[in-house]
Amino acid sequence: MASGKVLIFNGPGEELQLLNRELSEPGDGEVLVRNLYTTICGSDLHTYCGLRKENTPTILGHEIVGKVVKISESHSGKDYAGNPLQEGDVVTWSIFSADPHSEMSEKGMPQKTVGVFKYGHAMVTEKDAFHGGLAEYCILKPHTAILKIPDNVPLPVAATINCAVATVAGALRLAGNLTDKTVLITGMGLLGIICATMCKDAGTHKIYAADIDKNRLQQSLAFGADETCLLPLPSDMKSDNPLSVLNSSIDVVFDMSGSPDAMEAGVETLGIGGVAVWIGAVFRQRKVMIDAEQVIRRLITIKGLHNYNYDDFVYAVDFIARNYVRFPFEQIVGKEFLLKDAKSAFEYALKNKPLRVGIRIEE
């Protein structure tokens, strides 16, 4: 029986274990993929540090691109878009597998289906280990949306599609038509950077980028931002809010930071009929304080998004295929490591805070 390497995460502070595990044949409706490249997402870092709890042992990594090795006979033989799926195709896939007939799937929220399976978050068991990006292989479960990647898209860029890019695509869906709109983005990590590119592609009138890091603000200009705003640390935000000059002038504000201060300040910038889309607050912080009277009088809408649906995923692949040369996406990965050096990769990400650290699975 064939085998492959897996990098086991046993919990915060525990050593990562690079082990060989037996690799079984893909079961009914499954597809065996050889992982090519994985980028370390912010949620991976949160889990690694203990800010986010996962059942362990597990294999981290869900921003993955890989190559099809074997397709089970019971699989349709097609990707989610209906294209023929063949061995050797480079693909990415939804970070979850969900029953398409579930109540949540039928409501357009498959990521919230009861019992949803999430890659890079599941427990390693004796019979099921290959389900994360930090491994040589991944066995894709039935009802996973698989999409082929155009040959010319670089692997480090393709790896980010099924998490960061697709999530931002969902944010734009919630925001509605952005043509000629004025947009504010708070938090210019990878989500914010991609949001700027997608807003530019969607025909916005003007894009303001806000962050506490001046280097990320400078970088955002190459990714579509028109003007930048350096924010103070949260402790100083109440007395020194540079976003106040934008009050009532913004049509849509996207928060990618998760900072309660940034979310509060962002809502205050919205004009009549404005929309706030919140994505960044994925771990517990203090409660957000909003002036309800102003929300009512200015007809403001606040929406939240966690993960994405399948249409967002399709949009994300199409967006990258059209725009990966338009914007400097090659800057996304600050440094690249091999799988055996994953510990150094996590340490580098935590110390230097690049948009992403990449791990090339094949040596």
Protein backbone atom coordinates (compact mmCIF):
# COMPACT_ATOMS: atom_id res chain seq x y z
CA MET A 1 0.00 0.00 0.00
CA ALA A 2 1.25 3.51 -0.83
CA SER A 3 2.11 5.99 1.89
CA GLY A 4 2.58 9.71 2.26
CA LYS A 5 3.92 12.25 4.73
CA VAL A 6 1.61 14.10 7.11
CA LEU A 7 2.54 16.90 9.52
CA ILE A 8 0.65 16.33 12.75
CA PHE A 9 -0.33 19.23 15.02
CA ASN A 10 -0.99 18.01 18.57
CA GLY A 11 -1.75 21.35 20.21
CA PRO A 12 -0.20 24.73 21.08
CA GLY A 13 3.36 24.38 22.32
CA GLU A 14 3.62 20.78 21.14
CA GLU A 15 6.19 19.72 18.53
CA LEU A 16 4.93 19.22 15.00
CA GLN A 17 5.38 15.59 13.94
CA LEU A 18 6.26 14.67 10.35
CA LEU A 19 5.10 11.07 9.93
CA ASN A 20 4.44 8.55 7.19
CA ARG A 21 0.89 7.22 6.99
CA GLU A 22 -0.63 4.56 4.79
CA LEU A 23 -2.59 6.00 1.90
CA SER A 24 -5.82 4.19 1.04
CA GLU A 25 -7.61 4.18 -2.30
CA PRO A 26 -10.24 6.93 -2.72
CA GLY A 27 -13.66 5.72 -1.60
CA ASP A 28 -17.06 6.30 -3.19
CA GLY A 29 -17.26 9.78 -4.69
CA GLU A 30 -13.77 10.70 -3.50
CA VAL A 31 -10.79 12.13 -5.35
CA LEU A 32 -7.16 11.63 -4.38
CA VAL A 33 -5.01 14.74 -4.82
CA ARG A 34 -1.30 15.25 -4.36
CA ASN A 35 -0.84 18.55 -2.55
CA LEU A 36 1.49 20.93 -4.36
CA TYR A 37 1.38 24.13 -2.33
CA THR A 38 -0.21 25.38 0.89
CA THR A 39 -0.29 28.88 2.33
CA ILE A 40 -0.58 29.44 6.08
CA CYS A 41 -3.82 31.27 6.80
CA GLY A 42 -4.43 33.53 9.78
CA SER A 43 -6.72 30.92 11.33
CA ASP A 44 -3.86 28.38 11.11
CA LEU A 45 -1.71 30.78 13.12
CA HIS A 46 -4.50 31.30 15.65
CA THR A 47 -4.78 27.54 16.13
CA TYR A 48 -1.01 27.10 16.32
CA CYS A 49 -0.81 29.73 19.08
CA GLY A 50 -3.86 28.57 20.99
CA LEU A 51 -6.11 31.56 20.21
CA ARG A 52 -8.41 29.16 18.40
CA LYS A 53 -9.15 25.62 19.57
CA GLU A 54 -9.29 22.62 17.25
CA ASN A 55 -9.68 18.97 18.11
CA THR A 56 -6.28 17.34 17.91
CA PRO A 57 -4.35 15.64 16.50
CA THR A 58 -5.04 17.42 13.23
CA ILE A 59 -3.32 18.49 10.03
CA LEU A 60 -3.38 22.25 9.60
CA GLY A 61 -3.61 24.05 6.29
CA HIS A 62 -6.69 24.60 4.12
CA GLU A 63 -5.43 27.07 1.51
CA ILE A 64 -4.30 24.34 -0.87
CA VAL A 65 -3.69 23.66 -4.54
CA GLY A 66 -2.92 20.18 -5.78
CA LYS A 67 -2.80 17.74 -8.68
CA VAL A 68 -5.39 15.02 -9.27
CA VAL A 69 -3.91 11.54 -8.76
CA LYS A 70 -6.95 9.28 -8.88
CA ILE A 71 -10.71 9.68 -9.29
CA SER A 72 -13.05 7.07 -7.86
CA GLU A 73 -15.32 5.33 -10.34
CA SER A 74 -18.42 6.62 -8.56
CA HIS A 75 -17.32 10.25 -8.92
CA SER A 76 -18.94 12.24 -11.72
CA GLY A 77 -15.56 12.80 -13.38
CA LYS A 78 -16.32 16.50 -13.63
CA ASP A 79 -15.33 19.54 -11.62
CA TYR A 80 -17.93 21.82 -10.02
CA ALA A 81 -18.17 23.90 -13.21
CA GLY A 82 -18.92 20.81 -15.28
CA ASN A 83 -15.50 20.54 -16.91
CA PRO A 84 -13.96 17.06 -17.39
CA LEU A 85 -11.71 16.18 -14.47
CA GLN A 86 -8.65 14.10 -15.29
CA GLU A 87 -5.57 12.76 -13.59
CA GLY A 88 -2.84 15.41 -13.69
CA ASP A 89 -5.22 18.37 -13.55
CA VAL A 90 -4.19 21.13 -11.14
CA VAL A 91 -7.14 21.92 -8.91
CA THR A 92 -8.30 23.72 -5.82
CA TRP A 93 -11.38 22.82 -3.77
CA SER A 94 -13.84 24.27 -1.31
CA ILE A 95 -12.58 24.26 2.26
CA PHE A 96 -15.67 22.30 3.24
CA SER A 97 -17.74 19.34 2.09
CA ALA A 98 -21.46 19.71 2.74
CA ASP A 99 -24.61 17.78 1.92
CA PRO A 100 -26.06 19.63 -1.11
CA HIS A 101 -29.59 18.72 0.00
CA SER A 102 -29.24 20.11 3.51
CA GLU A 103 -31.41 22.97 4.71
CA MET A 104 -28.45 25.35 4.85
CA SER A 105 -27.24 24.37 1.37
CA GLU A 106 -30.67 25.06 -0.07
CA LYS A 107 -30.57 28.48 1.62
CA GLY A 108 -27.24 29.29 -0.08
CA MET A 109 -25.17 28.75 3.08
CA PRO A 110 -23.65 25.26 2.65
CA GLN A 111 -20.74 26.18 4.92
CA LYS A 112 -23.19 26.20 7.84
CA THR A 113 -24.60 22.73 7.21
CA VAL A 114 -24.83 20.53 10.30
CA GLY A 115 -21.92 18.08 10.25
CA VAL A 116 -20.01 19.96 7.56
CA PHE A 117 -16.50 18.60 6.99
CA LYS A 118 -13.71 21.21 6.90
CA TYR A 119 -10.28 20.55 5.44
CA GLY A 120 -7.40 21.53 7.71
CA HIS A 121 -9.66 21.38 10.76
CA ALA A 122 -10.56 17.71 11.17
CA MET A 123 -9.12 15.21 13.62
CA VAL A 124 -6.61 12.65 12.39
CA THR A 125 -7.83 9.11 12.97
CA GLU A 126 -6.39 5.70 12.20
CA LYS A 127 -8.38 5.49 8.96
CA ASP A 128 -8.62 9.16 7.98
CA ALA A 129 -5.50 11.31 8.03
CA PHE A 130 -5.14 12.97 4.65
CA HIS A 131 -7.43 15.99 4.96
CA GLY A 132 -5.14 19.00 5.42
CA GLY A 133 -2.70 21.08 3.43
CA LEU A 134 0.39 20.20 5.45
CA ALA A 135 0.59 16.71 4.02
CA GLU A 136 1.66 15.16 0.75
CA TYR A 137 -1.87 14.10 -0.19
CA CYS A 138 -5.46 15.06 0.41
CA ILE A 139 -8.46 12.79 -0.09
CA LEU A 140 -11.40 14.94 -1.19
CA LYS A 141 -14.71 13.90 0.29
CA PRO A 142 -17.96 13.56 -1.70
CA HIS A 143 -19.76 16.89 -2.23
CA THR A 144 -16.50 18.85 -2.23
CA ALA A 145 -16.56 21.55 -4.93
CA ILE A 146 -13.46 20.98 -7.06
CA LEU A 147 -12.36 23.52 -9.67
CA LYS A 148 -9.58 23.33 -12.22
CA ILE A 149 -6.93 26.05 -12.13
CA PRO A 150 -5.64 27.60 -15.36
CA ASP A 151 -2.13 26.33 -16.13
CA ASN A 152 -0.52 29.78 -16.04
CA VAL A 153 -1.67 30.77 -12.51
CA PRO A 154 1.33 30.46 -10.12
CA LEU A 155 0.88 27.93 -7.33
CA PRO A 156 1.37 30.45 -4.45
CA VAL A 157 -1.45 32.56 -5.89
CA ALA A 158 -3.71 29.59 -6.65
CA ALA A 159 -3.36 28.29 -3.08
CA THR A 160 -5.09 31.35 -1.61
CA ILE A 161 -8.20 31.04 -3.78
CA ASN A 162 -10.19 28.57 -1.70
CA CYS A 163 -10.07 30.62 1.49
CA ALA A 164 -9.05 34.28 1.30
CA VAL A 165 -10.14 35.01 -2.27
CA ALA A 166 -13.42 33.10 -2.06
CA THR A 167 -14.29 34.70 1.29
CA VAL A 168 -13.80 38.17 -0.16
CA ALA A 169 -15.93 37.16 -3.14
CA GLY A 170 -18.67 36.40 -0.62
CA ALA A 171 -18.20 39.81 0.96
CA LEU A 172 -18.71 41.51 -2.39
CA ARG A 173 -21.87 39.46 -2.95
CA LEU A 174 -23.27 40.75 0.35
CA ALA A 175 -22.28 44.32 -0.47
CA GLY A 176 -24.24 44.35 -3.74
CA ASN A 177 -23.48 46.38 -6.85
CA LEU A 178 -20.26 48.35 -6.33
CA THR A 179 -20.22 50.25 -9.61
CA ASP A 180 -19.24 53.89 -8.95
CA LYS A 181 -19.45 53.35 -5.18
CA THR A 182 -17.02 54.76 -2.61
CA VAL A 183 -15.56 52.02 -0.45
CA LEU A 184 -13.60 51.87 2.81
CA ILE A 185 -11.63 48.76 3.77
CA THR A 186 -10.37 48.46 7.35
CA GLY A 187 -7.60 45.91 7.81
CA MET A 188 -5.14 45.47 4.96
CA GLY A 189 -3.96 41.93 5.54
CA LEU A 190 -4.53 39.50 2.71
CA LEU A 191 -8.32 39.78 2.94
CA GLY A 192 -8.12 43.57 2.71
CA ILE A 193 -5.61 43.48 -0.14
CA ILE A 194 -7.77 41.10 -2.15
CA CYS A 195 -10.86 43.16 -1.32
CA ALA A 196 -9.19 46.20 -2.87
CA THR A 197 -8.43 44.30 -6.08
CA MET A 198 -11.95 42.90 -6.30
CA CYS A 199 -13.52 46.30 -5.65
CA LYS A 200 -11.34 47.84 -8.36
CA ASP A 201 -12.35 45.05 -10.74
CA ALA A 202 -16.02 45.65 -9.84
CA GLY A 203 -15.82 49.29 -10.96
CA THR A 204 -15.81 51.23 -7.71
CA HIS A 205 -15.35 54.99 -7.80
CA LYS A 206 -12.85 55.25 -4.96
CA ILE A 207 -11.22 52.88 -2.48
CA TYR A 208 -9.92 53.99 0.93
CA ALA A 209 -7.62 51.59 2.78
CA ALA A 210 -7.15 51.85 6.56
CA ASP A 211 -4.75 49.97 8.83
CA ILE A 212 -2.41 50.47 11.79
CA ASP A 213 0.55 49.29 9.67
CA LYS A 214 1.96 51.89 7.29
CA ASN A 215 3.85 49.27 5.27
CA ARG A 216 0.66 47.38 4.50
CA LEU A 217 -1.02 50.64 3.55
CA GLN A 218 1.79 51.42 1.13
CA GLN A 219 1.49 47.94 -0.33
CA SER A 220 -2.27 48.33 -0.78
CA LEU A 221 -1.77 51.09 -3.36
CA ALA A 222 -0.42 48.54 -5.84
CA PHE A 223 -3.50 46.38 -5.23
CA GLY A 224 -6.11 48.98 -6.13
CA ALA A 225 -6.42 51.30 -3.13
CA ASP A 226 -6.70 54.99 -4.07
CA GLU A 227 -6.04 56.59 -0.69
CA THR A 228 -4.74 55.29 2.63
CA CYS A 229 -5.44 56.15 6.24
CA LEU A 230 -3.05 55.22 9.05
CA LEU A 231 -5.07 54.28 12.13
CA PRO A 232 -3.88 54.71 15.71
CA LEU A 233 -3.66 51.76 18.07
CA PRO A 234 -7.08 50.73 19.45
CA SER A 235 -6.32 52.35 22.81
CA ASP A 236 -6.05 55.74 21.08
CA MET A 237 -8.91 55.31 18.60
CA LYS A 238 -11.57 57.13 20.63
CA SER A 239 -9.54 60.31 21.04
CA ASP A 240 -7.86 60.22 17.63
CA ASN A 241 -10.07 58.81 14.88
CA PRO A 242 -8.69 59.81 11.46
CA LEU A 243 -11.64 58.11 9.76
CA SER A 244 -13.98 60.84 11.06
CA VAL A 245 -13.14 62.97 8.00
CA LEU A 246 -14.94 60.32 5.90
CA ASN A 247 -18.15 60.39 7.94
CA SER A 248 -21.29 60.08 5.80
CA SER A 249 -19.24 59.77 2.59
CA ILE A 250 -18.80 55.98 2.32
CA ASP A 251 -21.22 53.68 0.51
CA VAL A 252 -19.74 50.37 1.63
CA VAL A 253 -17.28 49.57 4.41
CA PHE A 254 -15.60 46.18 4.60
CA ASP A 255 -13.97 45.22 7.90
CA MET A 256 -11.23 42.63 7.50
CA SER A 257 -9.42 43.49 10.75
CA GLY A 258 -11.75 42.06 13.38
CA SER A 259 -11.01 45.10 15.54
CA PRO A 260 -14.11 46.36 17.40
CA ASP A 261 -12.71 49.90 17.21
CA ALA A 262 -12.30 49.66 13.45
CA MET A 263 -15.80 48.23 13.00
CA GLU A 264 -17.33 51.00 15.10
CA ALA A 265 -15.41 53.72 13.28
CA GLY A 266 -16.27 52.19 9.91
CA VAL A 267 -20.01 52.26 10.53
CA GLU A 268 -19.75 55.95 11.44
CA THR A 269 -18.35 56.71 7.96
CA LEU A 270 -21.39 55.32 6.15
CA GLY A 271 -23.78 57.62 4.36
CA ILE A 272 -27.51 57.13 3.94
CA GLY A 273 -28.24 53.62 2.75
CA GLY A 274 -24.69 52.50 3.50
CA VAL A 275 -23.69 48.86 3.98
CA ALA A 276 -21.13 47.42 6.40
CA VAL A 277 -19.80 43.92 5.74
CA TRP A 278 -17.86 42.36 8.60
CA ILE A 279 -15.52 39.42 8.01
CA GLY A 280 -12.49 39.76 10.27
CA ALA A 281 -13.97 39.10 13.71
CA VAL A 282 -13.51 35.33 13.83
CA PHE A 283 -12.35 35.05 17.43
CA ARG A 284 -13.85 36.46 20.60
CA GLN A 285 -13.14 40.08 21.54
CA ARG A 286 -15.10 42.80 23.31
CA LYS A 287 -18.60 43.58 22.11
CA VAL A 288 -19.07 46.25 19.43
CA MET A 289 -20.89 49.45 20.42
CA ILE A 290 -23.03 51.03 17.69
CA ASP A 291 -25.25 54.14 17.77
CA ALA A 292 -28.61 52.52 17.00
CA GLU A 293 -30.29 55.87 16.28
CA GLN A 294 -27.80 56.61 13.51
CA VAL A 295 -28.19 53.10 12.06
CA ILE A 296 -31.93 53.73 11.87
CA ARG A 297 -31.86 57.33 10.63
CA ARG A 298 -29.23 56.62 7.96
CA LEU A 299 -30.85 53.33 6.88
CA ILE A 300 -27.61 51.44 7.46
CA THR A 301 -27.31 47.69 6.91
CA ILE A 302 -24.74 45.54 8.75
CA LYS A 303 -23.93 42.07 7.41
CA GLY A 304 -21.58 39.36 8.59
CA LEU A 305 -19.90 36.58 6.64
CA HIS A 306 -18.06 33.43 7.71
CA ASN A 307 -16.49 31.38 4.90
CA TYR A 308 -18.39 31.41 1.59
CA ASN A 309 -20.77 29.49 -0.66
CA TYR A 310 -20.08 27.64 -3.90
CA ASP A 311 -20.96 30.57 -6.17
CA ASP A 312 -18.40 32.69 -4.32
CA PHE A 313 -15.81 29.95 -4.91
CA VAL A 314 -16.52 29.94 -8.66
CA TYR A 315 -16.27 33.74 -8.74
CA ALA A 316 -12.91 33.57 -6.91
CA VAL A 317 -11.34 31.20 -9.44
CA ASP A 318 -12.62 33.31 -12.33
CA PHE A 319 -11.36 36.51 -10.70
CA ILE A 320 -7.82 35.18 -10.25
CA ALA A 321 -7.76 33.77 -13.78
CA ARG A 322 -8.59 37.24 -15.10
CA ASN A 323 -6.54 39.38 -12.72
CA TYR A 324 -3.46 37.53 -11.45
CA VAL A 325 -1.24 39.51 -13.84
CA ARG A 326 -3.11 42.81 -13.36
CA PHE A 327 -2.11 43.08 -9.69
CA PRO A 328 1.21 42.04 -8.08
CA PHE A 329 -0.12 38.86 -6.49
CA GLU A 330 3.41 37.46 -6.51
CA GLN A 331 4.02 39.69 -3.46
CA ILE A 332 1.48 37.78 -1.36
CA VAL A 333 3.90 35.09 -0.16
CA GLY A 334 6.64 36.72 1.88
CA LYS A 335 8.75 33.58 2.18
CA GLU A 336 8.54 29.96 1.10
CA PHE A 337 9.43 26.79 3.04
CA LEU A 338 9.38 23.03 2.48
CA LEU A 339 7.03 20.77 4.41
CA LYS A 340 9.83 19.45 6.60
CA ASP A 341 10.57 23.03 7.67
CA ALA A 342 6.98 23.88 8.63
CA LYS A 343 7.93 24.82 12.21
CA SER A 344 10.25 27.52 10.83
CA ALA A 345 7.44 28.63 8.54
CA PHE A 346 5.06 29.20 11.47
CA GLU A 347 7.75 30.99 13.45
CA TYR A 348 8.57 33.24 10.50
CA ALA A 349 4.88 34.06 9.97
CA LEU A 350 4.37 34.99 13.62
CA LYS A 351 7.52 37.11 13.83
CA ASN A 352 7.42 38.91 10.48
CA LYS A 353 3.67 38.97 9.74
CA PRO A 354 3.81 38.78 5.93
CA LEU A 355 0.52 38.49 4.05
CA ARG A 356 1.20 34.79 3.70
CA VAL A 357 3.96 32.23 4.18
CA GLY A 358 4.04 29.47 1.59
CA ILE A 359 4.88 25.80 1.99
CA ARG A 360 5.88 23.92 -1.14
CA ILE A 361 4.96 20.29 -0.62
CA GLU A 362 7.01 18.77 -3.44
CA GLU A 363 10.79 19.07 -3.02
